[in-house]
PDB file of all heavy atoms in Angstrom:
ATOM      1  N   PRO A   1      10.770   2.142 -18.407  1.00  0.00           N
ATOM      2  CA  PRO A   1      11.222   1.316 -19.528  1.00  0.00           C
ATOM      3  C   PRO A   1      12.222   0.254 -19.095  1.00  0.00           C
ATOM      4  O   PRO A   1      12.441  -0.742 -19.829  1.00  0.00           O
ATOM      5  CB  PRO A   1      11.880   2.341 -20.476  1.00  0.00           C
ATOM      6  CG  PRO A   1      11.269   3.644 -20.108  1.00  0.00           C
ATOM      7  CD  PRO A   1      10.987   3.582 -18.653  1.00  0.00           C
ATOM      8  N   GLU A   2      12.874   0.419 -17.928  1.00  0.00           N
ATOM      9  CA  GLU A   2      13.847  -0.572 -17.451  1.00  0.00           C
ATOM     10  C   GLU A   2      13.158  -1.848 -16.983  1.00  0.00           C
ATOM     11  O   GLU A   2      13.726  -2.934 -17.064  1.00  0.00           O
ATOM     12  CB  GLU A   2      14.684   0.009 -16.321  1.00  0.00           C
ATOM     13  CG  GLU A   2      15.662   1.075 -16.751  1.00  0.00           C
ATOM     14  CD  GLU A   2      16.528   1.547 -15.622  1.00  0.00           C
ATOM     15  OE1 GLU A   2      16.008   1.824 -14.511  1.00  0.00           O
ATOM     16  OE2 GLU A   2      17.754   1.626 -15.793  1.00  0.00           O
ATOM     17  N   VAL A   3      11.961  -1.711 -16.394  1.00  0.00           N
ATOM     18  CA  VAL A   3      11.295  -2.851 -15.781  1.00  0.00           C
ATOM     19  C   VAL A   3      10.030  -3.244 -16.508  1.00  0.00           C
ATOM     20  O   VAL A   3       9.712  -4.435 -16.677  1.00  0.00           O
ATOM     21  CB  VAL A   3      11.006  -2.578 -14.278  1.00  0.00           C
ATOM     22  CG1 VAL A   3      10.451  -3.833 -13.611  1.00  0.00           C
ATOM     23  CG2 VAL A   3      12.246  -2.070 -13.574  1.00  0.00           C
ATOM     24  N   SER A   4       9.252  -2.264 -16.917  1.00  0.00           N
ATOM     25  CA  SER A   4       8.084  -2.447 -17.812  1.00  0.00           C
ATOM     26  C   SER A   4       6.962  -3.256 -17.167  1.00  0.00           C
ATOM     27  O   SER A   4       6.332  -4.101 -17.810  1.00  0.00           O
ATOM     28  CB  SER A   4       8.509  -3.112 -19.120  1.00  0.00           C
ATOM     29  OG  SER A   4       9.479  -2.341 -19.757  1.00  0.00           O
ATOM     30  N   ILE A   5       6.681  -2.993 -15.877  1.00  0.00           N
ATOM     31  CA  ILE A   5       5.503  -3.603 -15.232  1.00  0.00           C
ATOM     32  C   ILE A   5       4.390  -2.598 -15.258  1.00  0.00           C
ATOM     33  O   ILE A   5       4.565  -1.434 -14.868  1.00  0.00           O
ATOM     34  CB  ILE A   5       5.851  -3.971 -13.775  1.00  0.00           C
ATOM     35  CG1 ILE A   5       6.923  -5.076 -13.772  1.00  0.00           C
ATOM     36  CG2 ILE A   5       4.593  -4.455 -13.052  1.00  0.00           C
ATOM     37  CD1 ILE A   5       7.358  -5.475 -12.360  1.00  0.00           C
ATOM     38  N   GLY A   6       3.235  -2.982 -15.718  1.00  0.00           N
ATOM     39  CA  GLY A   6       2.090  -2.074 -15.837  1.00  0.00           C
ATOM     40  C   GLY A   6       1.532  -1.656 -14.491  1.00  0.00           C
ATOM     41  O   GLY A   6       1.730  -2.358 -13.476  1.00  0.00           O
ATOM     42  N   THR A   7       0.846  -0.513 -14.478  1.00  0.00           N
ATOM     43  CA  THR A   7       0.211  -0.030 -13.245  1.00  0.00           C
ATOM     44  C   THR A   7      -1.213  -0.574 -13.170  1.00  0.00           C
ATOM     45  O   THR A   7      -1.943  -0.638 -14.166  1.00  0.00           O
ATOM     46  CB  THR A   7       0.168   1.519 -13.223  1.00  0.00           C
ATOM     47  OG1 THR A   7      -0.429   1.974 -14.427  1.00  0.00           O
ATOM     48  CG2 THR A   7       1.559   2.077 -13.099  1.00  0.00           C
ATOM     49  N   LEU A   8      -1.590  -0.958 -11.974  1.00  0.00           N
ATOM     50  CA  LEU A   8      -2.940  -1.485 -11.710  1.00  0.00           C
ATOM     51  C   LEU A   8      -3.536  -0.831 -10.502  1.00  0.00           C
ATOM     52  O   LEU A   8      -2.818  -0.185  -9.715  1.00  0.00           O
ATOM     53  CB  LEU A   8      -2.887  -3.017 -11.498  1.00  0.00           C
ATOM     54  CG  LEU A   8      -2.350  -3.876 -12.636  1.00  0.00           C
ATOM     55  CD1 LEU A   8      -2.198  -5.309 -12.164  1.00  0.00           C
ATOM     56  CD2 LEU A   8      -3.315  -3.830 -13.837  1.00  0.00           C
ATOM     57  N   GLY A   9      -4.848  -0.946 -10.314  1.00  0.00           N
ATOM     58  CA  GLY A   9      -5.454  -0.423  -9.135  1.00  0.00           C
ATOM     59  C   GLY A   9      -6.546   0.577  -9.463  1.00  0.00           C
ATOM     60  O   GLY A   9      -6.631   1.107 -10.585  1.00  0.00           O
ATOM     61  N   GLY A  10      -7.389   0.845  -8.451  1.00  0.00           N
ATOM     62  CA  GLY A  10      -8.511   1.761  -8.673  1.00  0.00           C
ATOM     63  C   GLY A  10      -8.093   3.208  -8.503  1.00  0.00           C
ATOM     64  O   GLY A  10      -7.387   3.539  -7.547  1.00  0.00           O
ATOM     65  N   ILE A  11      -8.550   4.091  -9.402  1.00  0.00           N
ATOM     66  CA  ILE A  11      -8.306   5.522  -9.278  1.00  0.00           C
ATOM     67  C   ILE A  11      -9.632   6.254  -9.403  1.00  0.00           C
ATOM     68  O   ILE A  11     -10.621   5.714  -9.906  1.00  0.00           O
ATOM     69  CB  ILE A  11      -7.307   6.018 -10.332  1.00  0.00           C
ATOM     70  CG1 ILE A  11      -7.842   5.782 -11.735  1.00  0.00           C
ATOM     71  CG2 ILE A  11      -5.951   5.350 -10.156  1.00  0.00           C
ATOM     72  CD1 ILE A  11      -6.964   6.394 -12.833  1.00  0.00           C
ATOM     73  N   ARG A  12      -9.637   7.502  -8.951  1.00  0.00           N
ATOM     74  CA  ARG A  12     -10.844   8.367  -9.033  1.00  0.00           C
ATOM     75  C   ARG A  12     -12.040   7.682  -8.404  1.00  0.00           C
ATOM     76  O   ARG A  12     -13.151   7.662  -8.998  1.00  0.00           O
ATOM     77  CB  ARG A  12     -11.117   8.732 -10.471  1.00  0.00           C
ATOM     78  CG  ARG A  12     -10.002   9.579 -11.098  1.00  0.00           C
ATOM     79  CD  ARG A  12     -10.167   9.770 -12.604  1.00  0.00           C
ATOM     80  NE  ARG A  12      -9.222  10.729 -13.130  1.00  0.00           N
ATOM     81  CZ  ARG A  12      -8.974  10.876 -14.433  1.00  0.00           C
ATOM     82  NH1 ARG A  12      -9.597  10.136 -15.327  1.00  0.00           N
ATOM     83  NH2 ARG A  12      -8.093  11.773 -14.854  1.00  0.00           N
ATOM     84  N   LYS A  13     -11.825   7.150  -7.211  1.00  0.00           N
ATOM     85  CA  LYS A  13     -12.886   6.448  -6.487  1.00  0.00           C
ATOM     86  C   LYS A  13     -13.473   7.358  -5.425  1.00  0.00           C
ATOM     87  O   LYS A  13     -12.769   8.086  -4.754  1.00  0.00           O
ATOM     88  CB  LYS A  13     -12.343   5.179  -5.838  1.00  0.00           C
ATOM     89  CG  LYS A  13     -11.795   4.138  -6.831  1.00  0.00           C
ATOM     90  CD  LYS A  13     -12.896   3.406  -7.545  1.00  0.00           C
ATOM     91  CE  LYS A  13     -12.344   2.258  -8.386  1.00  0.00           C
ATOM     92  NZ  LYS A  13     -13.402   1.537  -9.102  1.00  0.00           N
ATOM     93  N   GLU A  14     -14.775   7.299  -5.246  1.00  0.00           N
ATOM     94  CA  GLU A  14     -15.398   8.031  -4.150  1.00  0.00           C
ATOM     95  C   GLU A  14     -14.934   7.447  -2.796  1.00  0.00           C
ATOM     96  O   GLU A  14     -14.666   6.244  -2.723  1.00  0.00           O
ATOM     97  CB  GLU A  14     -16.936   7.938  -4.263  1.00  0.00           C
ATOM     98  CG  GLU A  14     -17.511   8.643  -5.465  1.00  0.00           C
ATOM     99  CD  GLU A  14     -17.322  10.148  -5.450  1.00  0.00           C
ATOM    100  OE1 GLU A  14     -16.995  10.697  -4.362  1.00  0.00           O
ATOM    101  OE2 GLU A  14     -17.499  10.773  -6.479  1.00  0.00           O
ATOM    102  N   PRO A  15     -14.800   8.225  -1.780  1.00  0.00           N
ATOM    103  CA  PRO A  15     -15.196   9.652  -1.680  1.00  0.00           C
ATOM    104  C   PRO A  15     -14.116  10.614  -2.108  1.00  0.00           C
ATOM    105  O   PRO A  15     -14.171  11.801  -1.794  1.00  0.00           O
ATOM    106  CB  PRO A  15     -15.507   9.797  -0.188  1.00  0.00           C
ATOM    107  CG  PRO A  15     -14.534   8.895   0.470  1.00  0.00           C
ATOM    108  CD  PRO A  15     -14.378   7.723  -0.455  1.00  0.00           C
ATOM    109  N   TYR A  16     -13.074  10.144  -2.839  1.00  0.00           N
ATOM    110  CA  TYR A  16     -11.976  11.028  -3.279  1.00  0.00           C
ATOM    111  C   TYR A  16     -11.826  10.944  -4.794  1.00  0.00           C
ATOM    112  O   TYR A  16     -10.919  10.274  -5.312  1.00  0.00           O
ATOM    113  CB  TYR A  16     -10.675  10.626  -2.580  1.00  0.00           C
ATOM    114  CG  TYR A  16     -10.803  10.592  -1.077  1.00  0.00           C
ATOM    115  CD1 TYR A  16     -10.811   9.368  -0.397  1.00  0.00           C
ATOM    116  CD2 TYR A  16     -10.918  11.765  -0.341  1.00  0.00           C
ATOM    117  CE1 TYR A  16     -10.920   9.328   0.967  1.00  0.00           C
ATOM    118  CE2 TYR A  16     -11.018  11.725   1.044  1.00  0.00           C
ATOM    119  CZ  TYR A  16     -11.029  10.514   1.695  1.00  0.00           C
ATOM    120  OH  TYR A  16     -11.123  10.491   3.062  1.00  0.00           O
ATOM    121  N   PRO A  17     -12.727  11.564  -5.554  1.00  0.00           N
ATOM    122  CA  PRO A  17     -12.735  11.397  -7.020  1.00  0.00           C
ATOM    123  C   PRO A  17     -11.512  11.981  -7.724  1.00  0.00           C
ATOM    124  O   PRO A  17     -11.279  11.678  -8.897  1.00  0.00           O
ATOM    125  CB  PRO A  17     -14.026  12.128  -7.446  1.00  0.00           C
ATOM    126  CG  PRO A  17     -14.270  13.120  -6.331  1.00  0.00           C
ATOM    127  CD  PRO A  17     -13.817  12.445  -5.105  1.00  0.00           C
ATOM    128  N   GLU A  18     -10.722  12.797  -7.018  1.00  0.00           N
ATOM    129  CA  GLU A  18      -9.521  13.378  -7.655  1.00  0.00           C
ATOM    130  C   GLU A  18      -8.318  12.492  -7.537  1.00  0.00           C
ATOM    131  O   GLU A  18      -7.312  12.708  -8.230  1.00  0.00           O
ATOM    132  CB  GLU A  18      -9.237  14.763  -7.029  1.00  0.00           C
ATOM    133  CG  GLU A  18     -10.342  15.772  -7.115  1.00  0.00           C
ATOM    134  CD  GLU A  18     -10.698  16.076  -8.555  1.00  0.00           C
ATOM    135  OE1 GLU A  18      -9.770  16.259  -9.376  1.00  0.00           O
ATOM    136  OE2 GLU A  18     -11.885  16.136  -8.873  1.00  0.00           O
ATOM    137  N   ILE A  19      -8.376  11.491  -6.664  1.00  0.00           N
ATOM    138  CA  ILE A  19      -7.219  10.640  -6.469  1.00  0.00           C
ATOM    139  C   ILE A  19      -6.908   9.844  -7.744  1.00  0.00           C
ATOM    140  O   ILE A  19      -7.804   9.188  -8.309  1.00  0.00           O
ATOM    141  CB  ILE A  19      -7.436   9.652  -5.280  1.00  0.00           C
ATOM    142  CG1 ILE A  19      -7.265  10.427  -3.975  1.00  0.00           C
ATOM    143  CG2 ILE A  19      -6.437   8.511  -5.338  1.00  0.00           C
ATOM    144  CD1 ILE A  19      -7.359   9.564  -2.746  1.00  0.00           C
ATOM    145  N   GLY A  20      -5.681   9.910  -8.180  1.00  0.00           N
ATOM    146  CA  GLY A  20      -5.253   9.177  -9.372  1.00  0.00           C
ATOM    147  C   GLY A  20      -5.244   9.978 -10.632  1.00  0.00           C
ATOM    148  O   GLY A  20      -4.948   9.465 -11.702  1.00  0.00           O
ATOM    149  N   ASN A  21      -5.550  11.302 -10.551  1.00  0.00           N
ATOM    150  CA  ASN A  21      -5.590  12.133 -11.754  1.00  0.00           C
ATOM    151  C   ASN A  21      -4.238  12.170 -12.429  1.00  0.00           C
ATOM    152  O   ASN A  21      -4.149  12.051 -13.682  1.00  0.00           O
ATOM    153  CB  ASN A  21      -6.024  13.565 -11.400  1.00  0.00           C
ATOM    154  CG  ASN A  21      -7.530  13.693 -11.294  1.00  0.00           C
ATOM    155  OD1 ASN A  21      -8.246  12.753 -11.631  1.00  0.00           O
ATOM    156  ND2 ASN A  21      -8.035  14.819 -10.826  1.00  0.00           N
ATOM    157  N   VAL A  22      -3.164  12.351 -11.680  1.00  0.00           N
ATOM    158  CA  VAL A  22      -1.823  12.446 -12.272  1.00  0.00           C
ATOM    159  C   VAL A  22      -1.441  11.109 -12.875  1.00  0.00           C
ATOM    160  O   VAL A  22      -0.887  11.013 -13.962  1.00  0.00           O
ATOM    161  CB  VAL A  22      -0.798  12.902 -11.242  1.00  0.00           C
ATOM    162  CG1 VAL A  22       0.622  12.901 -11.851  1.00  0.00           C
ATOM    163  CG2 VAL A  22      -1.126  14.309 -10.702  1.00  0.00           C
ATOM    164  N   LEU A  23      -1.753  10.032 -12.148  1.00  0.00           N
ATOM    165  CA  LEU A  23      -1.424   8.700 -12.639  1.00  0.00           C
ATOM    166  C   LEU A  23      -2.153   8.401 -13.938  1.00  0.00           C
ATOM    167  O   LEU A  23      -1.597   7.819 -14.890  1.00  0.00           O
ATOM    168  CB  LEU A  23      -1.749   7.644 -11.578  1.00  0.00           C
ATOM    169  CG  LEU A  23      -1.396   6.191 -11.908  1.00  0.00           C
ATOM    170  CD1 LEU A  23       0.098   6.053 -12.162  1.00  0.00           C
ATOM    171  CD2 LEU A  23      -1.805   5.281 -10.764  1.00  0.00           C
ATOM    172  N   ALA A  24      -3.414   8.808 -13.995  1.00  0.00           N
ATOM    173  CA  ALA A  24      -4.185   8.604 -15.232  1.00  0.00           C
ATOM    174  C   ALA A  24      -3.604   9.389 -16.383  1.00  0.00           C
ATOM    175  O   ALA A  24      -3.574   8.942 -17.535  1.00  0.00           O
ATOM    176  CB  ALA A  24      -5.632   9.021 -14.986  1.00  0.00           C
ATOM    177  N   GLU A  25      -3.081  10.584 -16.083  1.00  0.00           N
ATOM    178  CA  GLU A  25      -2.454  11.384 -17.109  1.00  0.00           C
ATOM    179  C   GLU A  25      -1.157  10.759 -17.650  1.00  0.00           C
ATOM    180  O   GLU A  25      -0.884  10.801 -18.854  1.00  0.00           O
ATOM    181  CB  GLU A  25      -2.152  12.774 -16.548  1.00  0.00           C
ATOM    182  CG  GLU A  25      -1.576  13.769 -17.529  1.00  0.00           C
ATOM    183  CD  GLU A  25      -1.305  15.113 -16.846  1.00  0.00           C
ATOM    184  OE1 GLU A  25      -1.789  15.349 -15.744  1.00  0.00           O
ATOM    185  OE2 GLU A  25      -0.566  15.911 -17.499  1.00  0.00           O
ATOM    186  N   LEU A  26      -0.392  10.160 -16.761  1.00  0.00           N
ATOM    187  CA  LEU A  26       0.864   9.513 -17.169  1.00  0.00           C
ATOM    188  C   LEU A  26       0.579   8.215 -17.939  1.00  0.00           C
ATOM    189  O   LEU A  26       1.341   7.888 -18.861  1.00  0.00           O
ATOM    190  CB  LEU A  26       1.700   9.208 -15.912  1.00  0.00           C
ATOM    191  CG  LEU A  26       2.272  10.380 -15.141  1.00  0.00           C
ATOM    192  CD1 LEU A  26       2.852   9.931 -13.801  1.00  0.00           C
ATOM    193  CD2 LEU A  26       3.340  11.116 -15.956  1.00  0.00           C
ATOM    194  N   GLY A  27      -0.446   7.508 -17.565  1.00  0.00           N
ATOM    195  CA  GLY A  27      -0.731   6.219 -18.189  1.00  0.00           C
ATOM    196  C   GLY A  27       0.334   5.199 -17.866  1.00  0.00           C
ATOM    197  O   GLY A  27       0.975   5.269 -16.824  1.00  0.00           O
ATOM    198  N   ASN A  28       0.505   4.240 -18.742  1.00  0.00           N
ATOM    199  CA  ASN A  28       1.590   3.255 -18.566  1.00  0.00           C
ATOM    200  C   ASN A  28       2.880   3.897 -19.056  1.00  0.00           C
ATOM    201  O   ASN A  28       3.085   4.060 -20.280  1.00  0.00           O
ATOM    202  CB  ASN A  28       1.296   1.977 -19.346  1.00  0.00           C
ATOM    203  CG  ASN A  28       0.660   0.905 -18.437  1.00  0.00           C
ATOM    204  OD1 ASN A  28       0.921   0.887 -17.243  1.00  0.00           O
ATOM    205  ND2 ASN A  28      -0.154   0.065 -19.024  1.00  0.00           N
ATOM    206  N   ILE A  29       3.731   4.273 -18.132  1.00  0.00           N
ATOM    207  CA  ILE A  29       4.921   5.053 -18.450  1.00  0.00           C
ATOM    208  C   ILE A  29       5.815   4.386 -19.467  1.00  0.00           C
ATOM    209  O   ILE A  29       6.297   4.977 -20.407  1.00  0.00           O
ATOM    210  CB  ILE A  29       5.677   5.369 -17.149  1.00  0.00           C
ATOM    211  CG1 ILE A  29       4.803   6.246 -16.223  1.00  0.00           C
ATOM    212  CG2 ILE A  29       7.013   6.034 -17.432  1.00  0.00           C
ATOM    213  CD1 ILE A  29       5.319   6.380 -14.817  1.00  0.00           C
ATOM    214  N   TYR A  30       6.056   3.089 -19.282  1.00  0.00           N
ATOM    215  CA  TYR A  30       7.013   2.394 -20.176  1.00  0.00           C
ATOM    216  C   TYR A  30       6.533   2.309 -21.615  1.00  0.00           C
ATOM    217  O   TYR A  30       7.321   2.185 -22.538  1.00  0.00           O
ATOM    218  CB  TYR A  30       7.351   0.998 -19.634  1.00  0.00           C
ATOM    219  CG  TYR A  30       6.277  -0.030 -19.824  1.00  0.00           C
ATOM    220  CD1 TYR A  30       6.243  -0.831 -20.961  1.00  0.00           C
ATOM    221  CD2 TYR A  30       5.307  -0.269 -18.846  1.00  0.00           C
ATOM    222  CE1 TYR A  30       5.280  -1.809 -21.126  1.00  0.00           C
ATOM    223  CE2 TYR A  30       4.346  -1.223 -19.004  1.00  0.00           C
ATOM    224  CZ  TYR A  30       4.326  -1.996 -20.144  1.00  0.00           C
ATOM    225  OH  TYR A  30       3.374  -2.961 -20.299  1.00  0.00           O
ATOM    226  N   LYS A  31       5.215   2.374 -21.816  1.00  0.00           N
ATOM    227  CA  LYS A  31       4.679   2.295 -23.169  1.00  0.00           C
ATOM    228  C   LYS A  31       4.790   3.635 -23.936  1.00  0.00           C
ATOM    229  O   LYS A  31       4.811   3.639 -25.163  1.00  0.00           O
ATOM    230  CB  LYS A  31       3.214   1.852 -23.155  1.00  0.00           C
ATOM    231  CG  LYS A  31       3.031   0.405 -22.763  1.00  0.00           C
ATOM    232  CD  LYS A  31       1.590  -0.016 -22.845  1.00  0.00           C
ATOM    233  CE  LYS A  31       1.419  -1.507 -22.513  1.00  0.00           C
ATOM    234  NZ  LYS A  31      -0.024  -1.932 -22.636  1.00  0.00           N
ATOM    235  N   ASN A  32       4.847   4.723 -23.174  1.00  0.00           N
ATOM    236  CA  ASN A  32       4.940   6.036 -23.830  1.00  0.00           C
ATOM    237  C   ASN A  32       5.796   6.950 -22.944  1.00  0.00           C
ATOM    238  O   ASN A  32       5.316   7.919 -22.358  1.00  0.00           O
ATOM    239  CB  ASN A  32       3.538   6.644 -24.041  1.00  0.00           C
ATOM    240  CG  ASN A  32       3.596   7.873 -24.925  1.00  0.00           C
ATOM    241  OD1 ASN A  32       4.630   8.267 -25.418  1.00  0.00           O
ATOM    242  ND2 ASN A  32       2.440   8.519 -25.084  1.00  0.00           N
ATOM    243  N   TYR A  33       7.081   6.595 -22.868  1.00  0.00           N
ATOM    244  CA  TYR A  33       7.956   7.344 -21.967  1.00  0.00           C
ATOM    245  C   TYR A  33       8.117   8.814 -22.422  1.00  0.00           C
ATOM    246  O   TYR A  33       8.340   9.696 -21.570  1.00  0.00           O
ATOM    247  CB  TYR A  33       9.311   6.663 -21.886  1.00  0.00           C
ATOM    248  CG  TYR A  33      10.175   7.210 -20.779  1.00  0.00           C
ATOM    249  CD1 TYR A  33       9.866   6.978 -19.446  1.00  0.00           C
ATOM    250  CD2 TYR A  33      11.314   7.961 -21.077  1.00  0.00           C
ATOM    251  CE1 TYR A  33      10.654   7.471 -18.426  1.00  0.00           C
ATOM    252  CE2 TYR A  33      12.106   8.467 -20.059  1.00  0.00           C
ATOM    253  CZ  TYR A  33      11.768   8.233 -18.738  1.00  0.00           C
ATOM    254  OH  TYR A  33      12.536   8.761 -17.721  1.00  0.00           O
ATOM    255  N   ALA A  34       8.020   9.059 -23.711  1.00  0.00           N
ATOM    256  CA  ALA A  34       8.142  10.419 -24.213  1.00  0.00           C
ATOM    257  C   ALA A  34       7.089  11.342 -23.595  1.00  0.00           C
ATOM    258  O   ALA A  34       7.363  12.534 -23.348  1.00  0.00           O
ATOM    259  CB  ALA A  34       8.050  10.428 -25.735  1.00  0.00           C
TER     260      ALA A  34
END
């Protein structure tokens, strides 16, 4: 919430489909910090 820059980039890409699971769960942190 201090800086509010959105996250970008590819996640869950082969050959590592699990990469980015936690980031996807968090989403854009500053928009829903709760």
